[in-house]
């Protein structure tokens, strides 16, 4: 799809994204739990609980296709592609 947000706002508690089709706010807890980095996937594969929620402290662009979110617990390995965040945004609106 190649979704790219028109604006990105970061607060400790949430990532707010303005898309061409609407605005969505994704909580830091939801984003931390949805991390798809190798360590988080391995933890889930072993049946271990997801990491405790943490605040967002930074969002670093990864090329033109994603952002890397940095959390207050030191976790900084999750790359969140725009297309995937757009899907999460759509799900958040429906929840």
PDB file of N, CA and C in Angstrom:
ATOM      1  N   UNK A   1       0.809  -1.195   0.000  1.00  0.00           N
ATOM      2  CA  UNK A   1       0.000   0.000   0.000  1.00  0.00           C
ATOM      3  C   UNK A   1       0.856   1.263   0.000  1.00  0.00           C
ATOM      4  N   UNK A   2       1.995   1.246   0.688  1.00  0.00           N
ATOM      5  CA  UNK A   2       2.876   2.404   0.797  1.00  0.00           C
ATOM      6  C   UNK A   2       2.243   3.571   1.547  1.00  0.00           C
ATOM      7  N   UNK A   3       1.656   3.274   2.676  1.00  0.00           N
ATOM      8  CA  UNK A   3       1.091   4.316   3.528  1.00  0.00           C
ATOM      9  C   UNK A   3       2.218   5.062   4.221  1.00  0.00           C
ATOM     10  N   UNK A   4       2.149   6.358   4.203  1.00  0.00           N
ATOM     11  CA  UNK A   4       3.088   7.213   4.929  1.00  0.00           C
ATOM     12  C   UNK A   4       2.249   8.271   5.632  1.00  0.00           C
ATOM     13  N   UNK A   5       2.438   8.445   6.940  1.00  0.00           N
ATOM     14  CA  UNK A   5       1.621   9.442   7.641  1.00  0.00           C
ATOM     15  C   UNK A   5       1.981  10.862   7.230  1.00  0.00           C
ATOM     16  N   UNK A   6       0.981  11.715   7.302  1.00  0.00           N
ATOM     17  CA  UNK A   6       1.188  13.137   7.006  1.00  0.00           C
ATOM     18  C   UNK A   6       1.852  13.841   8.186  1.00  0.00           C
ATOM     19  N   UNK A   7       1.635  13.315   9.389  1.00  0.00           N
ATOM     20  CA  UNK A   7       2.234  13.885  10.602  1.00  0.00           C
ATOM     21  C   UNK A   7       2.395  12.797  11.647  1.00  0.00           C
ATOM     22  N   UNK A   8       3.433  12.937  12.457  1.00  0.00           N
ATOM     23  CA  UNK A   8       3.724  12.005  13.541  1.00  0.00           C
ATOM     24  C   UNK A   8       3.986  12.824  14.791  1.00  0.00           C
ATOM     25  N   UNK A   9       3.248  12.535  15.854  1.00  0.00           N
ATOM     26  CA  UNK A   9       3.448  13.198  17.135  1.00  0.00           C
ATOM     27  C   UNK A   9       3.696  12.131  18.188  1.00  0.00           C
ATOM     28  N   UNK A  10       4.734  12.347  18.982  1.00  0.00           N
ATOM     29  CA  UNK A  10       5.136  11.383  19.997  1.00  0.00           C
ATOM     30  C   UNK A  10       4.956  12.000  21.375  1.00  0.00           C
ATOM     31  N   UNK A  11       4.271  11.282  22.252  1.00  0.00           N
ATOM     32  CA  UNK A  11       4.193  11.641  23.659  1.00  0.00           C
ATOM     33  C   UNK A  11       4.665  10.417  24.435  1.00  0.00           C
ATOM     34  N   UNK A  12       4.961  10.535  25.713  1.00  0.00           N
ATOM     35  CA  UNK A  12       5.380   9.344  26.458  1.00  0.00           C
ATOM     36  C   UNK A  12       4.348   8.214  26.406  1.00  0.00           C
ATOM     37  N   UNK A  13       3.080   8.564  26.334  1.00  0.00           N
ATOM     38  CA  UNK A  13       2.041   7.546  26.389  1.00  0.00           C
ATOM     39  C   UNK A  13       1.515   7.052  25.066  1.00  0.00           C
ATOM     40  N   UNK A  14       1.835   7.739  23.959  1.00  0.00           N
ATOM     41  CA  UNK A  14       1.217   7.336  22.690  1.00  0.00           C
ATOM     42  C   UNK A  14       1.950   7.902  21.477  1.00  0.00           C
ATOM     43  N   UNK A  15       1.689   7.265  20.367  1.00  0.00           N
ATOM     44  CA  UNK A  15       2.136   7.730  19.060  1.00  0.00           C
ATOM     45  C   UNK A  15       0.879   8.132  18.306  1.00  0.00           C
ATOM     46  N   UNK A  16       0.830   9.392  17.901  1.00  0.00           N
ATOM     47  CA  UNK A  16      -0.338   9.899  17.182  1.00  0.00           C
ATOM     48  C   UNK A  16       0.065  10.078  15.720  1.00  0.00           C
ATOM     49  N   UNK A  17      -0.715   9.454  14.845  1.00  0.00           N
ATOM     50  CA  UNK A  17      -0.420   9.456  13.412  1.00  0.00           C
ATOM     51  C   UNK A  17      -1.580  10.056  12.640  1.00  0.00           C
ATOM     52  N   UNK A  18      -1.262  11.019  11.782  1.00  0.00           N
ATOM     53  CA  UNK A  18      -2.288  11.574  10.900  1.00  0.00           C
ATOM     54  C   UNK A  18      -2.067  10.991   9.512  1.00  0.00           C
ATOM     55  N   UNK A  19      -3.038  10.202   9.083  1.00  0.00           N
ATOM     56  CA  UNK A  19      -3.015   9.573   7.771  1.00  0.00           C
ATOM     57  C   UNK A  19      -3.950  10.341   6.838  1.00  0.00           C
ATOM     58  N   UNK A  20      -3.849  10.088   5.557  1.00  0.00           N
ATOM     59  CA  UNK A  20      -4.747  10.716   4.586  1.00  0.00           C
ATOM     60  C   UNK A  20      -6.199  10.347   4.887  1.00  0.00           C
ATOM     61  N   UNK A  21      -6.409   9.165   5.496  1.00  0.00           N
ATOM     62  CA  UNK A  21      -7.771   8.698   5.768  1.00  0.00           C
ATOM     63  C   UNK A  21      -8.191   8.839   7.227  1.00  0.00           C
ATOM     64  N   UNK A  22      -7.429   9.578   8.022  1.00  0.00           N
ATOM     65  CA  UNK A  22      -7.843   9.800   9.402  1.00  0.00           C
ATOM     66  C   UNK A  22      -6.676   9.896  10.366  1.00  0.00           C
ATOM     67  N   UNK A  23      -7.006  10.089  11.622  1.00  0.00           N
ATOM     68  CA  UNK A  23      -6.013  10.220  12.688  1.00  0.00           C
ATOM     69  C   UNK A  23      -6.179   9.037  13.634  1.00  0.00           C
ATOM     70  N   UNK A  24      -5.042   8.496  14.061  1.00  0.00           N
ATOM     71  CA  UNK A  24      -5.084   7.384  15.016  1.00  0.00           C
ATOM     72  C   UNK A  24      -4.059   7.633  16.116  1.00  0.00           C
ATOM     73  N   UNK A  25      -4.384   7.175  17.293  1.00  0.00           N
ATOM     74  CA  UNK A  25      -3.464   7.250  18.415  1.00  0.00           C
ATOM     75  C   UNK A  25      -3.234   5.832  18.909  1.00  0.00           C
ATOM     76  N   UNK A  26      -1.979   5.412  18.883  1.00  0.00           N
ATOM     77  CA  UNK A  26      -1.601   4.065  19.329  1.00  0.00           C
ATOM     78  C   UNK A  26      -0.854   4.203  20.654  1.00  0.00           C
ATOM     79  N   UNK A  27      -1.337   3.526  21.671  1.00  0.00           N
ATOM     80  CA  UNK A  27      -0.723   3.655  22.987  1.00  0.00           C
ATOM     81  C   UNK A  27       0.673   3.041  22.998  1.00  0.00           C
ATOM     82  N   UNK A  28       1.521   3.584  23.871  1.00  0.00           N
ATOM     83  CA  UNK A  28       2.864   3.051  24.028  1.00  0.00           C
ATOM     84  C   UNK A  28       2.804   1.586  24.451  1.00  0.00           C
ATOM     85  N   UNK A  29       1.867   1.250  25.320  1.00  0.00           N
ATOM     86  CA  UNK A  29       1.733  -0.135  25.778  1.00  0.00           C
ATOM     87  C   UNK A  29       1.397  -1.068  24.619  1.00  0.00           C
ATOM     88  N   UNK A  30       0.486  -0.649  23.763  1.00  0.00           N
ATOM     89  CA  UNK A  30       0.109  -1.476  22.616  1.00  0.00           C
ATOM     90  C   UNK A  30       1.284  -1.650  21.659  1.00  0.00           C
ATOM     91  N   UNK A  31       2.009  -0.561  21.404  1.00  0.00           N
ATOM     92  CA  UNK A  31       3.156  -0.641  20.500  1.00  0.00           C
ATOM     93  C   UNK A  31       4.264  -1.510  21.082  1.00  0.00           C
ATOM     94  N   UNK A  32       4.502  -1.403  22.372  1.00  0.00           N
ATOM     95  CA  UNK A  32       5.547  -2.228  23.013  1.00  0.00           C
ATOM     96  C   UNK A  32       5.160  -3.696  22.932  1.00  0.00           C
ATOM     97  N   UNK A  33       3.897  -4.009  23.179  1.00  0.00           N
ATOM     98  CA  UNK A  33       3.428  -5.395  23.117  1.00  0.00           C
ATOM     99  C   UNK A  33       3.444  -5.938  21.692  1.00  0.00           C
ATOM    100  N   UNK A  34       3.314  -5.057  20.702  1.00  0.00           N
ATOM    101  CA  UNK A  34       3.261  -5.487  19.299  1.00  0.00           C
ATOM    102  C   UNK A  34       4.637  -5.530  18.642  1.00  0.00           C
ATOM    103  N   UNK A  35       5.695  -5.286  19.393  1.00  0.00           N
ATOM    104  CA  UNK A  35       7.035  -5.260  18.809  1.00  0.00           C
ATOM    105  C   UNK A  35       7.345  -6.580  18.107  1.00  0.00           C
ATOM    106  N   UNK A  36       7.911  -6.472  16.910  1.00  0.00           N
ATOM    107  CA  UNK A  36       8.211  -7.665  16.115  1.00  0.00           C
ATOM    108  C   UNK A  36       9.713  -7.897  15.972  1.00  0.00           C
ATOM    109  N   UNK A  37      10.513  -7.325  16.867  1.00  0.00           N
ATOM    110  CA  UNK A  37      11.955  -7.558  16.781  1.00  0.00           C
ATOM    111  C   UNK A  37      12.250  -9.019  17.127  1.00  0.00           C
ATOM    112  N   UNK A  38      13.448  -9.461  16.816  1.00  0.00           N
ATOM    113  CA  UNK A  38      13.820 -10.856  17.051  1.00  0.00           C
ATOM    114  C   UNK A  38      13.687 -11.276  18.501  1.00  0.00           C
ATOM    115  N   UNK A  39      14.110 -10.423  19.430  1.00  0.00           N
ATOM    116  CA  UNK A  39      14.027 -10.764  20.851  1.00  0.00           C
ATOM    117  C   UNK A  39      12.596 -10.915  21.327  1.00  0.00           C
ATOM    118  N   UNK A  40      11.731 -10.019  20.899  1.00  0.00           N
ATOM    119  CA  UNK A  40      10.321 -10.088  21.308  1.00  0.00           C
ATOM    120  C   UNK A  40       9.626 -11.286  20.666  1.00  0.00           C
ATOM    121  N   UNK A  41       9.958 -11.579  19.419  1.00  0.00           N
ATOM    122  CA  UNK A  41       9.373 -12.762  18.761  1.00  0.00           C
ATOM    123  C   UNK A  41       9.840 -14.042  19.445  1.00  0.00           C
ATOM    124  N   UNK A  42      11.122 -14.091  19.813  1.00  0.00           N
ATOM    125  CA  UNK A  42      11.641 -15.279  20.507  1.00  0.00           C
ATOM    126  C   UNK A  42      10.943 -15.469  21.844  1.00  0.00           C
ATOM    127  N   UNK A  43      10.739 -14.370  22.581  1.00  0.00           N
ATOM    128  CA  UNK A  43      10.048 -14.440  23.872  1.00  0.00           C
ATOM    129  C   UNK A  43       8.643 -14.996  23.684  1.00  0.00           C
ATOM    130  N   UNK A  44       7.929 -14.474  22.682  1.00  0.00           N
ATOM    131  CA  UNK A  44       6.566 -14.951  22.414  1.00  0.00           C
ATOM    132  C   UNK A  44       6.578 -16.415  22.003  1.00  0.00           C
ATOM    133  N   UNK A  45       7.568 -16.811  21.205  1.00  0.00           N
ATOM    134  CA  UNK A  45       7.673 -18.201  20.767  1.00  0.00           C
ATOM    135  C   UNK A  45       7.913 -19.165  21.920  1.00  0.00           C
ATOM    136  N   UNK A  46       8.563 -18.691  22.974  1.00  0.00           N
ATOM    137  CA  UNK A  46       8.798 -19.517  24.168  1.00  0.00           C
ATOM    138  C   UNK A  46       7.616 -19.465  25.123  1.00  0.00           C
ATOM    139  N   UNK A  47       6.597 -18.686  24.770  1.00  0.00           N
ATOM    140  CA  UNK A  47       5.418 -18.578  25.625  1.00  0.00           C
ATOM    141  C   UNK A  47       5.607 -17.660  26.811  1.00  0.00           C
ATOM    142  N   UNK A  48       6.653 -16.838  26.784  1.00  0.00           N
ATOM    143  CA  UNK A  48       6.895 -15.904  27.880  1.00  0.00           C
ATOM    144  C   UNK A  48       5.982 -14.696  27.726  1.00  0.00           C
ATOM    145  N   UNK A  49       5.647 -14.065  28.831  1.00  0.00           N
ATOM    146  CA  UNK A  49       4.764 -12.887  28.740  1.00  0.00           C
ATOM    147  C   UNK A  49       5.444 -11.749  27.996  1.00  0.00           C
ATOM    148  N   UNK A  50       4.627 -10.903  27.428  1.00  0.00           N
ATOM    149  CA  UNK A  50       5.138  -9.710  26.742  1.00  0.00           C
ATOM    150  C   UNK A  50       5.801  -8.800  27.759  1.00  0.00           C
ATOM    151  N   UNK A  51       6.685  -7.970  27.286  1.00  0.00           N
ATOM    152  CA  UNK A  51       7.368  -7.018  28.164  1.00  0.00           C
ATOM    153  C   UNK A  51       6.355  -6.084  28.813  1.00  0.00           C
ATOM    154  N   UNK A  52       6.704  -5.613  29.986  1.00  0.00           N
ATOM    155  CA  UNK A  52       5.848  -4.655  30.674  1.00  0.00           C
ATOM    156  C   UNK A  52       5.742  -3.377  29.853  1.00  0.00           C
ATOM    157  N   UNK A  53       4.607  -2.711  29.922  1.00  0.00           N
ATOM    158  CA  UNK A  53       4.470  -1.454  29.191  1.00  0.00           C
ATOM    159  C   UNK A  53       5.543  -0.448  29.595  1.00  0.00           C
ATOM    160  N   UNK A  54       5.967   0.349  28.647  1.00  0.00           N
ATOM    161  CA  UNK A  54       6.966   1.381  28.897  1.00  0.00           C
ATOM    162  C   UNK A  54       6.584   2.624  28.100  1.00  0.00           C
ATOM    163  N   UNK A  55       7.061   3.763  28.534  1.00  0.00           N
ATOM    164  CA  UNK A  55       6.795   5.006  27.816  1.00  0.00           C
ATOM    165  C   UNK A  55       7.635   5.093  26.549  1.00  0.00           C
ATOM    166  N   UNK A  56       7.148   5.852  25.595  1.00  0.00           N
ATOM    167  CA  UNK A  56       7.906   6.162  24.389  1.00  0.00           C
ATOM    168  C   UNK A  56       8.828   7.339  24.679  1.00  0.00           C
ATOM    169  N   UNK A  57      10.086   7.234  24.256  1.00  0.00           N
ATOM    170  CA  UNK A  57      11.018   8.340  24.472  1.00  0.00           C
ATOM    171  C   UNK A  57      11.569   8.903  23.164  1.00  0.00           C
ATOM    172  N   UNK A  58      11.477   8.149  22.063  1.00  0.00           N
ATOM    173  CA  UNK A  58      11.979   8.654  20.799  1.00  0.00           C
ATOM    174  C   UNK A  58      11.416   7.832  19.651  1.00  0.00           C
ATOM    175  N   UNK A  59      11.410   8.444  18.477  1.00  0.00           N
ATOM    176  CA  UNK A  59      11.016   7.774  17.235  1.00  0.00           C
ATOM    177  C   UNK A  59      12.014   8.213  16.177  1.00  0.00           C
ATOM    178  N   UNK A  60      12.746   7.257  15.637  1.00  0.00           N
ATOM    179  CA  UNK A  60      13.819   7.545  14.694  1.00  0.00           C
ATOM    180  C   UNK A  60      13.420   7.015  13.318  1.00  0.00           C
ATOM    181  N   UNK A  61      13.465   7.864  12.282  1.00  0.00           N
ATOM    182  CA  UNK A  61      13.122   7.387  10.943  1.00  0.00           C
ATOM    183  C   UNK A  61      14.050   6.260  10.489  1.00  0.00           C
ATOM    184  N   UNK A  62      13.474   5.306   9.775  1.00  0.00           N
ATOM    185  CA  UNK A  62      14.235   4.231   9.147  1.00  0.00           C
ATOM    186  C   UNK A  62      13.949   4.342   7.652  1.00  0.00           C
ATOM    187  N   UNK A  63      14.833   4.986   6.945  1.00  0.00           N
ATOM    188  CA  UNK A  63      14.583   5.257   5.533  1.00  0.00           C
ATOM    189  C   UNK A  63      13.275   6.010   5.386  1.00  0.00           C
ATOM    190  N   UNK A  64      12.548   5.664   4.338  1.00  0.00           N
ATOM    191  CA  UNK A  64      11.237   6.296   4.133  1.00  0.00           C
ATOM    192  C   UNK A  64      10.099   5.321   4.387  1.00  0.00           C
ATOM    193  N   UNK A  65      10.419   4.143   4.931  1.00  0.00           N
ATOM    194  CA  UNK A  65       9.398   3.112   5.072  1.00  0.00           C
ATOM    195  C   UNK A  65       8.989   2.799   6.503  1.00  0.00           C
ATOM    196  N   UNK A  66       9.679   3.336   7.516  1.00  0.00           N
ATOM    197  CA  UNK A  66       9.394   2.901   8.883  1.00  0.00           C
ATOM    198  C   UNK A  66       9.956   3.887   9.903  1.00  0.00           C
ATOM    199  N   UNK A  67       9.629   3.607  11.180  1.00  0.00           N
ATOM    200  CA  UNK A  67      10.281   4.279  12.294  1.00  0.00           C
ATOM    201  C   UNK A  67      10.750   3.223  13.281  1.00  0.00           C
ATOM    202  N   UNK A  68      11.781   3.586  14.012  1.00  0.00           N
ATOM    203  CA  UNK A  68      12.295   2.768  15.100  1.00  0.00           C
ATOM    204  C   UNK A  68      11.858   3.454  16.383  1.00  0.00           C
ATOM    205  N   UNK A  69      11.095   2.745  17.205  1.00  0.00           N
ATOM    206  CA  UNK A  69      10.604   3.326  18.454  1.00  0.00           C
ATOM    207  C   UNK A  69      11.538   2.963  19.595  1.00  0.00           C
ATOM    208  N   UNK A  70      11.809   3.941  20.448  1.00  0.00           N
ATOM    209  CA  UNK A  70      12.657   3.761  21.617  1.00  0.00           C
ATOM    210  C   UNK A  70      11.777   3.930  22.849  1.00  0.00           C
ATOM    211  N   UNK A  71      11.852   2.964  23.757  1.00  0.00           N
ATOM    212  CA  UNK A  71      11.013   2.944  24.949  1.00  0.00           C
ATOM    213  C   UNK A  71      11.841   3.225  26.199  1.00  0.00           C
ATOM    214  N   UNK A  72      11.170   3.668  27.243  1.00  0.00           N
ATOM    215  CA  UNK A  72      11.838   4.050  28.487  1.00  0.00           C
ATOM    216  C   UNK A  72      12.501   2.877  29.204  1.00  0.00           C
ATOM    217  N   UNK A  73      12.132   1.643  28.850  1.00  0.00           N
ATOM    218  CA  UNK A  73      12.789   0.481  29.456  1.00  0.00           C
ATOM    219  C   UNK A  73      14.083   0.128  28.736  1.00  0.00           C
ATOM    220  N   UNK A  74      14.490   0.964  27.761  1.00  0.00           N
ATOM    221  CA  UNK A  74      15.724   0.735  27.026  1.00  0.00           C
ATOM    222  C   UNK A  74      15.537  -0.028  25.728  1.00  0.00           C
ATOM    223  N   UNK A  75      14.342  -0.556  25.509  1.00  0.00           N
ATOM    224  CA  UNK A  75      14.099  -1.322  24.281  1.00  0.00           C
ATOM    225  C   UNK A  75      14.130  -0.377  23.082  1.00  0.00           C
ATOM    226  N   UNK A  76      14.977  -0.729  22.105  1.00  0.00           N
ATOM    227  CA  UNK A  76      15.124   0.140  20.932  1.00  0.00           C
ATOM    228  C   UNK A  76      15.363  -0.655  19.652  1.00  0.00           C
ATOM    229  N   UNK A  77      14.879  -1.877  19.603  1.00  0.00           N
ATOM    230  CA  UNK A  77      15.143  -2.735  18.451  1.00  0.00           C
ATOM    231  C   UNK A  77      13.946  -2.925  17.523  1.00  0.00           C
ATOM    232  N   UNK A  78      12.801  -2.395  17.893  1.00  0.00           N
ATOM    233  CA  UNK A  78      11.605  -2.588  17.078  1.00  0.00           C
ATOM    234  C   UNK A  78      11.520  -1.600  15.925  1.00  0.00           C
ATOM    235  N   UNK A  79      11.410  -2.127  14.724  1.00  0.00           N
ATOM    236  CA  UNK A  79      11.188  -1.298  13.547  1.00  0.00           C
ATOM    237  C   UNK A  79       9.727  -1.463  13.155  1.00  0.00           C
ATOM    238  N   UNK A  80       9.039  -0.348  13.043  1.00  0.00           N
ATOM    239  CA  UNK A  80       7.610  -0.327  12.780  1.00  0.00           C
ATOM    240  C   UNK A  80       7.364   0.268  11.391  1.00  0.00           C
ATOM    241  N   UNK A  81       7.167  -0.578  10.366  1.00  0.00           N
ATOM    242  CA  UNK A  81       6.899  -0.065   9.015  1.00  0.00           C
ATOM    243  C   UNK A  81       5.597   0.734   8.978  1.00  0.00           C
ATOM    244  N   UNK A  82       5.588   1.777   8.144  1.00  0.00           N
ATOM    245  CA  UNK A  82       4.393   2.621   8.032  1.00  0.00           C
ATOM    246  C   UNK A  82       3.161   1.809   7.656  1.00  0.00           C
ATOM    247  N   UNK A  83       3.296   0.890   6.701  1.00  0.00           N
ATOM    248  CA  UNK A  83       2.137   0.088   6.288  1.00  0.00           C
ATOM    249  C   UNK A  83       1.554  -0.677   7.480  1.00  0.00           C
ATOM    250  N   UNK A  84       2.419  -1.236   8.309  1.00  0.00           N
ATOM    251  CA  UNK A  84       1.951  -2.000   9.463  1.00  0.00           C
ATOM    252  C   UNK A  84       1.312  -1.080  10.500  1.00  0.00           C
ATOM    253  N   UNK A  85       1.908   0.098  10.724  1.00  0.00           N
ATOM    254  CA  UNK A  85       1.297   1.052  11.645  1.00  0.00           C
ATOM    255  C   UNK A  85      -0.056   1.533  11.132  1.00  0.00           C
ATOM    256  N   UNK A  86      -0.187   1.649   9.820  1.00  0.00           N
ATOM    257  CA  UNK A  86      -1.480   2.034   9.243  1.00  0.00           C
ATOM    258  C   UNK A  86      -2.515   0.944   9.525  1.00  0.00           C
ATOM    259  N   UNK A  87      -2.122  -0.322   9.413  1.00  0.00           N
ATOM    260  CA  UNK A  87      -3.030  -1.430   9.744  1.00  0.00           C
ATOM    261  C   UNK A  87      -3.409  -1.391  11.222  1.00  0.00           C
ATOM    262  N   UNK A  88      -2.424  -1.175  12.099  1.00  0.00           N
ATOM    263  CA  UNK A  88      -2.722  -1.065  13.525  1.00  0.00           C
ATOM    264  C   UNK A  88      -3.640   0.116  13.811  1.00  0.00           C
ATOM    265  N   UNK A  89      -3.441   1.207  13.080  1.00  0.00           N
ATOM    266  CA  UNK A  89      -4.300   2.393  13.240  1.00  0.00           C
ATOM    267  C   UNK A  89      -5.729   2.078  12.874  1.00  0.00           C
ATOM    268  N   UNK A  90      -5.921   1.363  11.771  1.00  0.00           N
ATOM    269  CA  UNK A  90      -7.274   0.998  11.337  1.00  0.00           C
ATOM    270  C   UNK A  90      -7.925   0.105  12.381  1.00  0.00           C
ATOM    271  N   UNK A  91      -7.161  -0.826  12.941  1.00  0.00           N
ATOM    272  CA  UNK A  91      -7.697  -1.720  13.974  1.00  0.00           C
ATOM    273  C   UNK A  91      -8.045  -0.928  15.225  1.00  0.00           C
ATOM    274  N   UNK A  92      -7.233   0.093  15.566  1.00  0.00           N
ATOM    275  CA  UNK A  92      -7.491   0.906  16.752  1.00  0.00           C
ATOM    276  C   UNK A  92      -8.799   1.678  16.627  1.00  0.00           C
ATOM    277  N   UNK A  93      -9.106   2.143  15.440  1.00  0.00           N
ATOM    278  CA  UNK A  93     -10.345   2.878  15.206  1.00  0.00           C
ATOM    279  C   UNK A  93     -11.537   1.957  15.367  1.00  0.00           C
ATOM    280  N   UNK A  94     -11.378   0.682  14.981  1.00  0.00           N
ATOM    281  CA  UNK A  94     -12.480  -0.276  15.058  1.00  0.00           C
ATOM    282  C   UNK A  94     -12.670  -0.840  16.446  1.00  0.00           C
ATOM    283  N   UNK A  95     -11.581  -0.814  17.275  1.00  0.00           N
ATOM    284  CA  UNK A  95     -11.675  -1.391  18.638  1.00  0.00           C
ATOM    285  C   UNK A  95     -12.644  -0.635  19.514  1.00  0.00           C
TER     286      UNK A  95
END
